[in-house]
Amino acid sequence: MEDTPYIAPPAGLNPGIPPKPNNWLVPAILITLFCCNYLGVVGVIYAARVDAKYNLGDYAGAEADAKQAKLWTLIPLAVGVFCWIAFMIFYGAVFWAAMQNKGTSPTF
């Protein structure tokens, strides 16, 4: 028999290596660009650390950073949705008040 090189199975099939956790990088970047810049950056930083720790063999650290990336991606999303709803209510109230005074001129 000839010697064949050993080919390791993929990470999910090898019982000694846990599968790589979701790093939440794309959602964190989108939240940073379109929603909450300052809070979203924290999610991007944690998301970038997931792959680095996983590739170094720090599986527990990668899992912990994945949880933090998820947290710091969903918190800015919730803050952004809350602010968007608050702005819509405010502008709706202003529009409604303006429509109530449609025949009068403002007094100063």
PDB file of N, CA and C in Angstrom:
ATOM      1  N   MET A   1       0.837  -1.182   0.000  1.00  0.00           N
ATOM      2  CA  MET A   1       0.000   0.000   0.000  1.00  0.00           C
ATOM      3  C   MET A   1       0.878   1.241   0.000  1.00  0.00           C
ATOM      4  N   GLU A   2       0.446   2.173  -0.728  1.00  0.00           N
ATOM      5  CA  GLU A   2       1.210   3.423  -0.727  1.00  0.00           C
ATOM      6  C   GLU A   2       0.666   4.357   0.342  1.00  0.00           C
ATOM      7  N   ASP A   3       1.511   5.220   0.805  1.00  0.00           N
ATOM      8  CA  ASP A   3       1.101   6.167   1.854  1.00  0.00           C
ATOM      9  C   ASP A   3       0.316   7.309   1.240  1.00  0.00           C
ATOM     10  N   THR A   4      -0.869   7.497   1.769  1.00  0.00           N
ATOM     11  CA  THR A   4      -1.688   8.627   1.328  1.00  0.00           C
ATOM     12  C   THR A   4      -1.634   9.695   2.409  1.00  0.00           C
ATOM     13  N   PRO A   5      -1.601  10.934   2.010  1.00  0.00           N
ATOM     14  CA  PRO A   5      -1.538  12.001   3.025  1.00  0.00           C
ATOM     15  C   PRO A   5      -2.843  12.060   3.821  1.00  0.00           C
ATOM     16  N   TYR A   6      -2.702  12.441   5.059  1.00  0.00           N
ATOM     17  CA  TYR A   6      -3.865  12.565   5.932  1.00  0.00           C
ATOM     18  C   TYR A   6      -4.603  13.849   5.595  1.00  0.00           C
ATOM     19  N   ILE A   7      -5.879  13.734   5.364  1.00  0.00           N
ATOM     20  CA  ILE A   7      -6.717  14.901   5.101  1.00  0.00           C
ATOM     21  C   ILE A   7      -7.689  15.014   6.261  1.00  0.00           C
ATOM     22  N   ALA A   8      -7.593  16.105   6.968  1.00  0.00           N
ATOM     23  CA  ALA A   8      -8.450  16.323   8.137  1.00  0.00           C
ATOM     24  C   ALA A   8      -9.876  16.597   7.682  1.00  0.00           C
ATOM     25  N   PRO A   9     -10.859  16.088   8.412  1.00  0.00           N
ATOM     26  CA  PRO A   9     -12.250  16.389   8.080  1.00  0.00           C
ATOM     27  C   PRO A   9     -12.569  17.849   8.380  1.00  0.00           C
ATOM     28  N   PRO A  10     -13.635  18.373   7.788  1.00  0.00           N
ATOM     29  CA  PRO A  10     -14.025  19.761   8.091  1.00  0.00           C
ATOM     30  C   PRO A  10     -14.277  19.938   9.586  1.00  0.00           C
ATOM     31  N   ALA A  11     -14.188  21.177  10.030  1.00  0.00           N
ATOM     32  CA  ALA A  11     -14.257  21.479  11.464  1.00  0.00           C
ATOM     33  C   ALA A  11     -15.545  20.979  12.099  1.00  0.00           C
ATOM     34  N   GLY A  12     -16.660  21.025  11.405  1.00  0.00           N
ATOM     35  CA  GLY A  12     -17.926  20.582  11.978  1.00  0.00           C
ATOM     36  C   GLY A  12     -18.011  19.071  12.147  1.00  0.00           C
ATOM     37  N   LEU A  13     -17.218  18.324  11.369  1.00  0.00           N
ATOM     38  CA  LEU A  13     -17.260  16.872  11.438  1.00  0.00           C
ATOM     39  C   LEU A  13     -16.215  16.294  12.382  1.00  0.00           C
ATOM     40  N   ASN A  14     -15.231  17.071  12.742  1.00  0.00           N
ATOM     41  CA  ASN A  14     -14.191  16.606  13.645  1.00  0.00           C
ATOM     42  C   ASN A  14     -14.694  16.761  15.079  1.00  0.00           C
ATOM     43  N   PRO A  15     -14.803  15.662  15.833  1.00  0.00           N
ATOM     44  CA  PRO A  15     -15.369  15.786  17.183  1.00  0.00           C
ATOM     45  C   PRO A  15     -14.506  16.599  18.140  1.00  0.00           C
ATOM     46  N   GLY A  16     -13.221  16.779  17.839  1.00  0.00           N
ATOM     47  CA  GLY A  16     -12.352  17.539  18.734  1.00  0.00           C
ATOM     48  C   GLY A  16     -12.434  19.040  18.525  1.00  0.00           C
ATOM     49  N   ILE A  17     -12.938  19.471  17.384  1.00  0.00           N
ATOM     50  CA  ILE A  17     -12.988  20.904  17.073  1.00  0.00           C
ATOM     51  C   ILE A  17     -14.444  21.331  16.955  1.00  0.00           C
ATOM     52  N   PRO A  18     -14.883  22.256  17.790  1.00  0.00           N
ATOM     53  CA  PRO A  18     -16.272  22.732  17.674  1.00  0.00           C
ATOM     54  C   PRO A  18     -16.444  23.579  16.412  1.00  0.00           C
ATOM     55  N   PRO A  19     -17.648  23.660  15.892  1.00  0.00           N
ATOM     56  CA  PRO A  19     -17.880  24.491  14.702  1.00  0.00           C
ATOM     57  C   PRO A  19     -17.679  25.973  15.029  1.00  0.00           C
ATOM     58  N   LYS A  20     -17.292  26.714  14.000  1.00  0.00           N
ATOM     59  CA  LYS A  20     -17.045  28.146  14.181  1.00  0.00           C
ATOM     60  C   LYS A  20     -18.367  28.854  14.450  1.00  0.00           C
ATOM     61  N   PRO A  21     -18.423  29.677  15.503  1.00  0.00           N
ATOM     62  CA  PRO A  21     -19.669  30.404  15.787  1.00  0.00           C
ATOM     63  C   PRO A  21     -19.900  31.514  14.766  1.00  0.00           C
ATOM     64  N   ASN A  22     -21.151  31.905  14.645  1.00  0.00           N
ATOM     65  CA  ASN A  22     -21.513  33.017  13.759  1.00  0.00           C
ATOM     66  C   ASN A  22     -20.857  34.282  14.293  1.00  0.00           C
ATOM     67  N   ASN A  23     -20.152  34.996  13.428  1.00  0.00           N
ATOM     68  CA  ASN A  23     -19.425  36.173  13.913  1.00  0.00           C
ATOM     69  C   ASN A  23     -20.232  37.466  13.846  1.00  0.00           C
ATOM     70  N   TRP A  24     -21.370  37.493  13.210  1.00  0.00           N
ATOM     71  CA  TRP A  24     -22.251  38.672  13.137  1.00  0.00           C
ATOM     72  C   TRP A  24     -21.564  39.878  12.490  1.00  0.00           C
ATOM     73  N   LEU A  25     -20.596  39.648  11.628  1.00  0.00           N
ATOM     74  CA  LEU A  25     -19.852  40.766  11.050  1.00  0.00           C
ATOM     75  C   LEU A  25     -20.698  41.582  10.067  1.00  0.00           C
ATOM     76  N   VAL A  26     -21.391  40.927   9.163  1.00  0.00           N
ATOM     77  CA  VAL A  26     -22.183  41.663   8.162  1.00  0.00           C
ATOM     78  C   VAL A  26     -23.318  42.455   8.819  1.00  0.00           C
ATOM     79  N   PRO A  27     -24.119  41.856   9.722  1.00  0.00           N
ATOM     80  CA  PRO A  27     -25.147  42.667  10.377  1.00  0.00           C
ATOM     81  C   PRO A  27     -24.563  43.817  11.190  1.00  0.00           C
ATOM     82  N   ALA A  28     -23.419  43.590  11.836  1.00  0.00           N
ATOM     83  CA  ALA A  28     -22.804  44.655  12.631  1.00  0.00           C
ATOM     84  C   ALA A  28     -22.355  45.818  11.742  1.00  0.00           C
ATOM     85  N   ILE A  29     -21.816  45.500  10.581  1.00  0.00           N
ATOM     86  CA  ILE A  29     -21.401  46.561   9.651  1.00  0.00           C
ATOM     87  C   ILE A  29     -22.620  47.320   9.138  1.00  0.00           C
ATOM     88  N   LEU A  30     -23.683  46.602   8.788  1.00  0.00           N
ATOM     89  CA  LEU A  30     -24.889  47.271   8.284  1.00  0.00           C
ATOM     90  C   LEU A  30     -25.526  48.153   9.354  1.00  0.00           C
ATOM     91  N   ILE A  31     -25.557  47.681  10.595  1.00  0.00           N
ATOM     92  CA  ILE A  31     -26.091  48.490  11.689  1.00  0.00           C
ATOM     93  C   ILE A  31     -25.235  49.731  11.882  1.00  0.00           C
ATOM     94  N   THR A  32     -23.920  49.573  11.776  1.00  0.00           N
ATOM     95  CA  THR A  32     -23.020  50.721  11.935  1.00  0.00           C
ATOM     96  C   THR A  32     -23.241  51.747  10.833  1.00  0.00           C
ATOM     97  N   LEU A  33     -23.425  51.288   9.611  1.00  0.00           N
ATOM     98  CA  LEU A  33     -23.593  52.223   8.494  1.00  0.00           C
ATOM     99  C   LEU A  33     -24.955  52.903   8.480  1.00  0.00           C
ATOM    100  N   PHE A  34     -26.014  52.159   8.786  1.00  0.00           N
ATOM    101  CA  PHE A  34     -27.354  52.678   8.568  1.00  0.00           C
ATOM    102  C   PHE A  34     -28.126  53.049   9.828  1.00  0.00           C
ATOM    103  N   CYS A  35     -27.618  52.716  10.996  1.00  0.00           N
ATOM    104  CA  CYS A  35     -28.448  52.902  12.179  1.00  0.00           C
ATOM    105  C   CYS A  35     -27.722  53.701  13.256  1.00  0.00           C
ATOM    106  N   CYS A  36     -26.919  53.049  14.035  1.00  0.00           N
ATOM    107  CA  CYS A  36     -26.231  53.680  15.167  1.00  0.00           C
ATOM    108  C   CYS A  36     -24.732  53.525  15.004  1.00  0.00           C
ATOM    109  N   ASN A  37     -24.079  54.590  14.607  1.00  0.00           N
ATOM    110  CA  ASN A  37     -22.653  54.518  14.311  1.00  0.00           C
ATOM    111  C   ASN A  37     -21.817  54.143  15.522  1.00  0.00           C
ATOM    112  N   TYR A  38     -22.017  54.817  16.630  1.00  0.00           N
ATOM    113  CA  TYR A  38     -21.133  54.634  17.775  1.00  0.00           C
ATOM    114  C   TYR A  38     -21.317  53.281  18.434  1.00  0.00           C
ATOM    115  N   LEU A  39     -22.536  52.838  18.618  1.00  0.00           N
ATOM    116  CA  LEU A  39     -22.767  51.538  19.235  1.00  0.00           C
ATOM    117  C   LEU A  39     -22.450  50.394  18.278  1.00  0.00           C
ATOM    118  N   GLY A  40     -22.635  50.601  17.000  1.00  0.00           N
ATOM    119  CA  GLY A  40     -22.363  49.559  16.024  1.00  0.00           C
ATOM    120  C   GLY A  40     -20.889  49.224  15.898  1.00  0.00           C
ATOM    121  N   VAL A  41     -20.026  50.184  16.163  1.00  0.00           N
ATOM    122  CA  VAL A  41     -18.585  49.939  16.079  1.00  0.00           C
ATOM    123  C   VAL A  41     -18.161  48.884  17.092  1.00  0.00           C
ATOM    124  N   VAL A  42     -18.784  48.878  18.262  1.00  0.00           N
ATOM    125  CA  VAL A  42     -18.462  47.876  19.276  1.00  0.00           C
ATOM    126  C   VAL A  42     -18.793  46.484  18.750  1.00  0.00           C
ATOM    127  N   GLY A  43     -19.924  46.337  18.079  1.00  0.00           N
ATOM    128  CA  GLY A  43     -20.291  45.060  17.489  1.00  0.00           C
ATOM    129  C   GLY A  43     -19.324  44.626  16.400  1.00  0.00           C
ATOM    130  N   VAL A  44     -18.842  45.567  15.599  1.00  0.00           N
ATOM    131  CA  VAL A  44     -17.879  45.243  14.544  1.00  0.00           C
ATOM    132  C   VAL A  44     -16.570  44.753  15.162  1.00  0.00           C
ATOM    133  N   ILE A  45     -16.141  45.387  16.230  1.00  0.00           N
ATOM    134  CA  ILE A  45     -14.885  44.981  16.873  1.00  0.00           C
ATOM    135  C   ILE A  45     -14.996  43.561  17.424  1.00  0.00           C
ATOM    136  N   TYR A  46     -16.076  43.275  18.135  1.00  0.00           N
ATOM    137  CA  TYR A  46     -16.257  41.914  18.655  1.00  0.00           C
ATOM    138  C   TYR A  46     -16.395  40.907  17.523  1.00  0.00           C
ATOM    139  N   ALA A  47     -17.092  41.266  16.451  1.00  0.00           N
ATOM    140  CA  ALA A  47     -17.273  40.349  15.328  1.00  0.00           C
ATOM    141  C   ALA A  47     -15.944  40.037  14.649  1.00  0.00           C
ATOM    142  N   ALA A  48     -15.070  41.014  14.556  1.00  0.00           N
ATOM    143  CA  ALA A  48     -13.771  40.787  13.932  1.00  0.00           C
ATOM    144  C   ALA A  48     -12.881  39.890  14.789  1.00  0.00           C
ATOM    145  N   ARG A  49     -13.085  39.901  16.080  1.00  0.00           N
ATOM    146  CA  ARG A  49     -12.265  39.091  16.970  1.00  0.00           C
ATOM    147  C   ARG A  49     -12.662  37.614  16.961  1.00  0.00           C
ATOM    148  N   VAL A  50     -13.879  37.294  16.511  1.00  0.00           N
ATOM    149  CA  VAL A  50     -14.360  35.902  16.545  1.00  0.00           C
ATOM    150  C   VAL A  50     -13.483  35.001  15.673  1.00  0.00           C
ATOM    151  N   ASP A  51     -13.286  35.378  14.408  1.00  0.00           N
ATOM    152  CA  ASP A  51     -12.504  34.539  13.496  1.00  0.00           C
ATOM    153  C   ASP A  51     -11.053  34.422  13.950  1.00  0.00           C
ATOM    154  N   ALA A  52     -10.495  35.514  14.435  1.00  0.00           N
ATOM    155  CA  ALA A  52      -9.102  35.476  14.874  1.00  0.00           C
ATOM    156  C   ALA A  52      -8.925  34.506  16.041  1.00  0.00           C
ATOM    157  N   LYS A  53      -9.801  34.568  17.012  1.00  0.00           N
ATOM    158  CA  LYS A  53      -9.691  33.664  18.160  1.00  0.00           C
ATOM    159  C   LYS A  53      -9.961  32.217  17.760  1.00  0.00           C
ATOM    160  N   TYR A  54     -10.922  32.000  16.865  1.00  0.00           N
ATOM    161  CA  TYR A  54     -11.217  30.637  16.433  1.00  0.00           C
ATOM    162  C   TYR A  54     -10.017  30.029  15.698  1.00  0.00           C
ATOM    163  N   ASN A  55      -9.402  30.806  14.826  1.00  0.00           N
ATOM    164  CA  ASN A  55      -8.257  30.304  14.068  1.00  0.00           C
ATOM    165  C   ASN A  55      -7.045  30.051  14.956  1.00  0.00           C
ATOM    166  N   LEU A  56      -6.944  30.745  16.070  1.00  0.00           N
ATOM    167  CA  LEU A  56      -5.851  30.504  17.011  1.00  0.00           C
ATOM    168  C   LEU A  56      -6.137  29.338  17.954  1.00  0.00           C
ATOM    169  N   GLY A  57      -7.345  28.788  17.908  1.00  0.00           N
ATOM    170  CA  GLY A  57      -7.690  27.661  18.749  1.00  0.00           C
ATOM    171  C   GLY A  57      -8.376  28.037  20.047  1.00  0.00           C
ATOM    172  N   ASP A  58      -8.662  29.313  20.240  1.00  0.00           N
ATOM    173  CA  ASP A  58      -9.359  29.769  21.449  1.00  0.00           C
ATOM    174  C   ASP A  58     -10.861  29.692  21.186  1.00  0.00           C
ATOM    175  N   TYR A  59     -11.410  28.483  21.289  1.00  0.00           N
ATOM    176  CA  TYR A  59     -12.809  28.265  20.938  1.00  0.00           C
ATOM    177  C   TYR A  59     -13.757  28.908  21.943  1.00  0.00           C
ATOM    178  N   ALA A  60     -13.400  28.858  23.218  1.00  0.00           N
ATOM    179  CA  ALA A  60     -14.239  29.498  24.243  1.00  0.00           C
ATOM    180  C   ALA A  60     -14.241  31.012  24.066  1.00  0.00           C
ATOM    181  N   GLY A  61     -13.092  31.583  23.759  1.00  0.00           N
ATOM    182  CA  GLY A  61     -13.013  33.029  23.517  1.00  0.00           C
ATOM    183  C   GLY A  61     -13.780  33.443  22.277  1.00  0.00           C
ATOM    184  N   ALA A  62     -13.736  32.604  21.240  1.00  0.00           N
ATOM    185  CA  ALA A  62     -14.487  32.899  20.016  1.00  0.00           C
ATOM    186  C   ALA A  62     -15.984  32.865  20.292  1.00  0.00           C
ATOM    187  N   GLU A  63     -16.414  31.896  21.099  1.00  0.00           N
ATOM    188  CA  GLU A  63     -17.835  31.801  21.446  1.00  0.00           C
ATOM    189  C   GLU A  63     -18.278  33.002  22.281  1.00  0.00           C
ATOM    190  N   ALA A  64     -17.437  33.421  23.225  1.00  0.00           N
ATOM    191  CA  ALA A  64     -17.773  34.579  24.062  1.00  0.00           C
ATOM    192  C   ALA A  64     -17.841  35.856  23.230  1.00  0.00           C
ATOM    193  N   ASP A  65     -16.892  36.031  22.311  1.00  0.00           N
ATOM    194  CA  ASP A  65     -16.918  37.224  21.456  1.00  0.00           C
ATOM    195  C   ASP A  65     -18.100  37.188  20.493  1.00  0.00           C
ATOM    196  N   ALA A  66     -18.511  35.996  20.056  1.00  0.00           N
ATOM    197  CA  ALA A  66     -19.684  35.889  19.180  1.00  0.00           C
ATOM    198  C   ALA A  66     -20.939  36.332  19.922  1.00  0.00           C
ATOM    199  N   LYS A  67     -21.037  35.968  21.193  1.00  0.00           N
ATOM    200  CA  LYS A  67     -22.197  36.404  21.993  1.00  0.00           C
ATOM    201  C   LYS A  67     -22.181  37.916  22.189  1.00  0.00           C
ATOM    202  N   GLN A  68     -20.999  38.484  22.438  1.00  0.00           N
ATOM    203  CA  GLN A  68     -20.897  39.936  22.592  1.00  0.00           C
ATOM    204  C   GLN A  68     -21.193  40.657  21.271  1.00  0.00           C
ATOM    205  N   ALA A  69     -20.739  40.084  20.148  1.00  0.00           N
ATOM    206  CA  ALA A  69     -21.023  40.686  18.840  1.00  0.00           C
ATOM    207  C   ALA A  69     -22.522  40.688  18.568  1.00  0.00           C
ATOM    208  N   LYS A  70     -23.194  39.598  18.930  1.00  0.00           N
ATOM    209  CA  LYS A  70     -24.645  39.537  18.756  1.00  0.00           C
ATOM    210  C   LYS A  70     -25.330  40.590  19.614  1.00  0.00           C
ATOM    211  N   LEU A  71     -24.897  40.678  20.872  1.00  0.00           N
ATOM    212  CA  LEU A  71     -25.487  41.657  21.788  1.00  0.00           C
ATOM    213  C   LEU A  71     -25.299  43.074  21.268  1.00  0.00           C
ATOM    214  N   TRP A  72     -24.056  43.406  20.853  1.00  0.00           N
ATOM    215  CA  TRP A  72     -23.756  44.765  20.404  1.00  0.00           C
ATOM    216  C   TRP A  72     -24.173  45.018  18.964  1.00  0.00           C
ATOM    217  N   THR A  73     -24.822  44.054  18.334  1.00  0.00           N
ATOM    218  CA  THR A  73     -25.478  44.285  17.053  1.00  0.00           C
ATOM    219  C   THR A  73     -26.972  44.497  17.264  1.00  0.00           C
ATOM    220  N   LEU A  74     -27.553  43.770  18.198  1.00  0.00           N
ATOM    221  CA  LEU A  74     -29.000  43.887  18.430  1.00  0.00           C
ATOM    222  C   LEU A  74     -29.364  45.109  19.272  1.00  0.00           C
ATOM    223  N   ILE A  75     -28.492  45.530  20.193  1.00  0.00           N
ATOM    224  CA  ILE A  75     -28.776  46.730  20.997  1.00  0.00           C
ATOM    225  C   ILE A  75     -28.875  47.974  20.107  1.00  0.00           C
ATOM    226  N   PRO A  76     -27.902  48.244  19.213  1.00  0.00           N
ATOM    227  CA  PRO A  76     -28.067  49.418  18.338  1.00  0.00           C
ATOM    228  C   PRO A  76     -29.269  49.315  17.406  1.00  0.00           C
ATOM    229  N   LEU A  77     -29.604  48.092  17.003  1.00  0.00           N
ATOM    230  CA  LEU A  77     -30.791  47.926  16.171  1.00  0.00           C
ATOM    231  C   LEU A  77     -32.041  48.337  16.945  1.00  0.00           C
ATOM    232  N   ALA A  78     -32.149  47.905  18.191  1.00  0.00           N
ATOM    233  CA  ALA A  78     -33.307  48.272  19.015  1.00  0.00           C
ATOM    234  C   ALA A  78     -33.348  49.772  19.274  1.00  0.00           C
ATOM    235  N   VAL A  79     -32.184  50.364  19.549  1.00  0.00           N
ATOM    236  CA  VAL A  79     -32.119  51.814  19.783  1.00  0.00           C
ATOM    237  C   VAL A  79     -32.531  52.566  18.515  1.00  0.00           C
ATOM    238  N   GLY A  80     -32.057  52.109  17.369  1.00  0.00           N
ATOM    239  CA  GLY A  80     -32.400  52.762  16.108  1.00  0.00           C
ATOM    240  C   GLY A  80     -33.880  52.663  15.780  1.00  0.00           C
ATOM    241  N   VAL A  81     -34.476  51.498  16.004  1.00  0.00           N
ATOM    242  CA  VAL A  81     -35.913  51.335  15.746  1.00  0.00           C
ATOM    243  C   VAL A  81     -36.722  52.203  16.697  1.00  0.00           C
ATOM    244  N   PHE A  82     -36.320  52.250  17.977  1.00  0.00           N
ATOM    245  CA  PHE A  82     -37.011  53.096  18.948  1.00  0.00           C
ATOM    246  C   PHE A  82     -36.938  54.573  18.527  1.00  0.00           C
ATOM    247  N   CYS A  83     -35.759  55.028  18.122  1.00  0.00           N
ATOM    248  CA  CYS A  83     -35.614  56.438  17.704  1.00  0.00           C
ATOM    249  C   CYS A  83     -36.433  56.721  16.447  1.00  0.00           C
ATOM    250  N   TRP A  84     -36.451  55.773  15.510  1.00  0.00           N
ATOM    251  CA  TRP A  84     -37.221  55.969  14.287  1.00  0.00           C
ATOM    252  C   TRP A  84     -38.707  56.098  14.616  1.00  0.00           C
ATOM    253  N   ILE A  85     -39.214  55.245  15.494  1.00  0.00           N
ATOM    254  CA  ILE A  85     -40.624  55.318  15.884  1.00  0.00           C
ATOM    255  C   ILE A  85     -40.914  56.625  16.622  1.00  0.00           C
ATOM    256  N   ALA A  86     -39.999  57.056  17.499  1.00  0.00           N
ATOM    257  CA  ALA A  86     -40.191  58.310  18.230  1.00  0.00           C
ATOM    258  C   ALA A  86     -40.221  59.503  17.273  1.00  0.00           C
ATOM    259  N   PHE A  87     -39.338  59.502  16.273  1.00  0.00           N
ATOM    260  CA  PHE A  87     -39.343  60.594  15.292  1.00  0.00           C
ATOM    261  C   PHE A  87     -40.635  60.598  14.483  1.00  0.00           C
ATOM    262  N   MET A  88     -41.130  59.430  14.106  1.00  0.00           N
ATOM    263  CA  MET A  88     -42.374  59.373  13.343  1.00  0.00           C
ATOM    264  C   MET A  88     -43.556  59.888  14.167  1.00  0.00           C
ATOM    265  N   ILE A  89     -43.586  59.545  15.439  1.00  0.00           N
ATOM    266  CA  ILE A  89     -44.654  60.052  16.308  1.00  0.00           C
ATOM    267  C   ILE A  89     -44.538  61.567  16.445  1.00  0.00           C
ATOM    268  N   PHE A  90     -43.319  62.073  16.636  1.00  0.00           N
ATOM    269  CA  PHE A  90     -43.118  63.518  16.769  1.00  0.00           C
ATOM    270  C   PHE A  90     -43.542  64.253  15.500  1.00  0.00           C
ATOM    271  N   TYR A  91     -43.067  63.775  14.342  1.00  0.00           N
ATOM    272  CA  TYR A  91     -43.426  64.453  13.101  1.00  0.00           C
ATOM    273  C   TYR A  91     -44.907  64.307  12.778  1.00  0.00           C
ATOM    274  N   GLY A  92     -45.501  63.189  13.173  1.00  0.00           N
ATOM    275  CA  GLY A  92     -46.941  63.041  12.993  1.00  0.00           C
ATOM    276  C   GLY A  92     -47.711  64.028  13.846  1.00  0.00           C
ATOM    277  N   ALA A  93     -47.258  64.249  15.084  1.00  0.00           N
ATOM    278  CA  ALA A  93     -47.918  65.216  15.960  1.00  0.00           C
ATOM    279  C   ALA A  93     -47.754  66.635  15.419  1.00  0.00           C
ATOM    280  N   VAL A  94     -46.582  66.950  14.903  1.00  0.00           N
ATOM    281  CA  VAL A  94     -46.358  68.285  14.326  1.00  0.00           C
ATOM    282  C   VAL A  94     -47.236  68.478  13.089  1.00  0.00           C
ATOM    283  N   PHE A  95     -47.320  67.465  12.252  1.00  0.00           N
ATOM    284  CA  PHE A  95     -48.157  67.553  11.064  1.00  0.00           C
ATOM    285  C   PHE A  95     -49.624  67.705  11.454  1.00  0.00           C
ATOM    286  N   TRP A  96     -50.063  66.929  12.446  1.00  0.00           N
ATOM    287  CA  TRP A  96     -51.442  67.020  12.905  1.00  0.00           C
ATOM    288  C   TRP A  96     -51.732  68.410  13.464  1.00  0.00           C
ATOM    289  N   ALA A  97     -50.802  68.967  14.245  1.00  0.00           N
ATOM    290  CA  ALA A  97     -51.000  70.308  14.807  1.00  0.00           C
ATOM    291  C   ALA A  97     -51.031  71.360  13.701  1.00  0.00           C
ATOM    292  N   ALA A  98     -50.205  71.172  12.685  1.00  0.00           N
ATOM    293  CA  ALA A  98     -50.204  72.120  11.572  1.00  0.00           C
ATOM    294  C   ALA A  98     -51.512  72.046  10.795  1.00  0.00           C
ATOM    295  N   MET A  99     -52.065  70.877  10.663  1.00  0.00           N
ATOM    296  CA  MET A  99     -53.325  70.745   9.944  1.00  0.00           C
ATOM    297  C   MET A  99     -54.497  71.344  10.732  1.00  0.00           C
ATOM    298  N   GLN A 100     -54.398  71.387  12.040  1.00  0.00           N
ATOM    299  CA  GLN A 100     -55.448  71.979  12.859  1.00  0.00           C
ATOM    300  C   GLN A 100     -55.468  73.498  12.712  1.00  0.00           C
ATOM    301  N   ASN A 101     -54.340  74.088  12.371  1.00  0.00           N
ATOM    302  CA  ASN A 101     -54.225  75.551  12.240  1.00  0.00           C
ATOM    303  C   ASN A 101     -54.139  75.945  10.763  1.00  0.00           C
ATOM    304  N   LYS A 102     -54.762  75.219   9.875  1.00  0.00           N
ATOM    305  CA  LYS A 102     -54.554  75.466   8.449  1.00  0.00           C
ATOM    306  C   LYS A 102     -55.099  76.795   7.945  1.00  0.00           C
ATOM    307  N   GLY A 103     -56.036  77.410   8.613  1.00  0.00           N
ATOM    308  CA  GLY A 103     -56.563  78.676   8.096  1.00  0.00           C
ATOM    309  C   GLY A 103     -56.029  79.886   8.822  1.00  0.00           C
ATOM    310  N   THR A 104     -55.211  79.705   9.812  1.00  0.00           N
ATOM    311  CA  THR A 104     -54.744  80.825  10.585  1.00  0.00           C
ATOM    312  C   THR A 104     -53.271  81.076  10.340  1.00  0.00           C
ATOM    313  N   SER A 105     -52.867  82.299  10.535  1.00  0.00           N
ATOM    314  CA  SER A 105     -51.435  82.625  10.405  1.00  0.00           C
ATOM    315  C   SER A 105     -50.799  82.582  11.794  1.00  0.00           C
ATOM    316  N   PRO A 106     -49.554  82.232  11.859  1.00  0.00           N
ATOM    317  CA  PRO A 106     -48.899  82.175  13.178  1.00  0.00           C
ATOM    318  C   PRO A 106     -48.714  83.561  13.757  1.00  0.00           C
ATOM    319  N   THR A 107     -48.821  83.653  15.050  1.00  0.00           N
ATOM    320  CA  THR A 107     -48.589  84.935  15.726  1.00  0.00           C
ATOM    321  C   THR A 107     -47.297  84.844  16.516  1.00  0.00           C
ATOM    322  N   PHE A 108     -46.565  85.928  16.489  1.00  0.00           N
ATOM    323  CA  PHE A 108     -45.282  85.966  17.196  1.00  0.00           C
ATOM    324  C   PHE A 108     -45.288  86.979  18.283  1.00  0.00           C
TER     325      PHE A 108
END
